[in-house]
């Protein structure tokens, strides 16, 4: 019987494929009036019987297009959509492998300049620098969120932590109807809003409010995603609630409520758990893990979106609210508030091999920490368009935080013969209270119609930190007990930072809208006050009353900079170039009230240069080249000659003779995506050459007591790159396979000191990877990924041996959607690190599994999840630098089972059936629409 079904299935598959035939439809698009080619028009084919999209593409610079696919249909509907022109439709008979339609003329839309409804359901529309996707053209599972939808868009990739890239460029902002939805974390939007409320997804270059207002060309490589809500869905409520209980008393809960009333939006989030999740994930499938694993999972230091620094176990509570509205025609308001509270604990151990010029020594340490923290933050943003030529943006924000940390550590160091040389213990209890107020003001005035403007910006930040630190420590030296140090101290700390930045810019066109000159003047003043009063415990009174001058500070530090700059920018249709030069006048003044003789004042002057060239081969391919010359001044702690003896094993003294570091950076990136073939390529190369780089210079004595200062060195450089190639193969109408390969090479040369001896090291790292994604719609998804990391360090110092390390990492994500109503997901990670010390675990499997069942007409979901199914979770890792090799591991979340329930609600719009406009039934065209200006 089994054999019979196998043969039957094979015959059915062969028969199905035998009925399909490959085809290529080619043509060229021109305007009817001017007979010129039309670039970036959307061309797509649909089936007549169900109006489902077969394939699509974008016309190139010559207006040419080529559509390739397989179909069992004898006739398809061809649609061509282009902003400002009437949508073109015709039937195409699939009667031969290659079909050439010749020139196709588009008629100008007489109403294109007015705000009208343009009849089009194009899957992709190109509008200048904006790529727009029609959500209905991309099929997903029924209950998909925005992240699920984005994964179906060409050129879009999302990793386990929710980081989004478009053709290799990172997405750093996600808006809803042009406004921030909930703070600056894109995953709150992409993982908690559902596909069914969105009509279109727009992808564009990230711009500030004033840049968008003036129409400036941006120089960054970040992208912004804007979710356009369906017009009928702009009024109503939606959200979901979830809660779960697990073994070992583990728990989580989360809730989200949204109210939309056209321009007015109110959102509330609540969450809490003790499983290291950020707190705003929901008890459904992958979201229960906060994305890809939830917590400190991952052998080899991997971190699947952990909360609390990737180490330890954290219990957290979070809640917040967001409000957005528009007042009149000129004022937009957006405000949000967040509260975050957490309690975490962690234990860690480490073994370090320290490499000296003529010897080696070994250190071991164990530490434990318990911490509690609470923070409140609020932001308000006003956008006031006082007139069509005047924009005012005001953004005040406030943050209050309080934390308490109990920390203990023991450490010992031995020589190559395993003779103990020193050991130390310390216990501390630190409480911090921080307050921060920041206000940004931007005023932009457009002058004329050719891109001229006057812009003023002001940014002022005032922050204070109050701390109390109780410390008990003991350091002993086995060869010289006179160096032993015992401390019982109390430190009262108070620091204040007042940062002021302002900028005035004037831009004017020199040649039409092509050549621009911009004059800018920046002024910044950063004033810091750092006061720490340390008291030793009095032996007689047992009170902390003996003032310790050597460990106390009373600094007042000022960093003032004045920077005039001039920029030229040239823009053409397919390329742009800019050159900016600046001259910095900087004064750094440090006053030491406790040690006036150590006060210092330094003046620095430097030239900086930024240049950039970008060429757009097509709407899908571009090349960017750039060169930057930057000047970085040393930090205050590196300059001031104050002797910091807070660590008895390492005394630090600044060097007031340090010079600024000069950095020459050359970079290049190229990205392209072929919508028709489903291929994407991204390449990036960056080279950085540094002069006067500031490095540590440490001398270690026979008791392994260190004294550190800082020096300038020349000859450091780093060259790194990344390249990836992706190919999406359509197997049939239900199954697709995406293949991706990438490699990340890095070469860096560092100049350092080792016990007074200057040397150079050459570090070479290569990290190739390959990943696959098989999607069988409504049946299963399988995503394996393998990566290899190889590192080699060589040195020009005799006693330093060449170091080579290799680690392997394998990820496997699966999802099964049958039988109907069930969903089973697995996240599996295997890591093998053969070079790690024998006392640490070299390999481990980390497996999370989740089974969910939909109830209450898909509004409710019951979920059972298992975290760390094989109970092998560890974060053991190896770190290698020029001076040491360290193996370490710390507390991680261990295996648990959890049963959860979630319920969602939605009253937006009428929830009308999915009606794709623009379909044809026997040649009849039904138009949907979107608004364009």
Foldseek 3Di string as FASTA:
>chain_A
DVVVVVVVVVVVVVVVVVLKDKAKEKEFEAAPPPRQGDFFKKKWKADQPPRATFAIFTAWRRRMDMFIDMDNDQKIKMWIDAQQWAIDIDIDGPPDRYHYPYYDHTYGDPCRVPWDWHFDQGQWGDDQQKIKGFQLNFDADPFAFQLRSQVRDFQWDADQLGFIDGLRATAQEEEEVPHGDAPRDCCLRRQWHTSLFFGMKMKGQDDDPQCVLLVHDDDDRYIYIYTYGDPLQQADKWWKWKWWAWPPRWIKIKIKIWGGDRQKIKIKIWMWTFQQAPGHFHPDDQSVLSGQFNFLFDAFQDRSRGHDPSFFIKTKIKMKMKIWGADPPFKIKIKMKMKMKMKTKKKKKKKKWFDFLVFIKIKIKIKIKIKIKMKMKMKMWMWGCVDSFKIKIKMKMKMKMKMKMWMKMKMWMAGPVRHTFKIKIKIKIKIKIKIKIKMKIKMKGDDDDQSKIKIKIKIKMKMKMWMKMWMWMWMAGPVDRVLIDTFTKIKTKIKMKIKIKMKIKTKDAPPRNFKIKMKMKMKIKIKMWIWMWMFTQDPVVRHRDHTDLLQTWTKIKMKIKIKIKMKMKGDDSFKIKMKMKIKIWIKIWMATPSCRVQTDIDIDIDMKMKMKMKGHSGSFKIKIKIKIKDKAADDPQQQTQRWNCPDSQEIEGHHNPQDIKIKIKIKMKMWGATSSFSKIKIKIKMKIAMFQDKAKAWAADPSNRIYIHIGGDHDKMKIKMKMKMKGWADPDPFKIKIKMKMKIWMWIKDWYYRNRRIWIKIKIKMKIKIWMWMGGHLAKIKIKMKIKIWMWMDIPRDVDDIDIWIKIKIWIWMWGRPPPQKIKIKIKMKMATPPADPVDDGIDIWMKIKMWGADPVNQKIKMKIKGRVVFGGWHWHWDDDPTMIMTMTMDTDTIMMMIMMMGIDGDRRPSDPDDSAQRHNVRDGGGDGDIDD
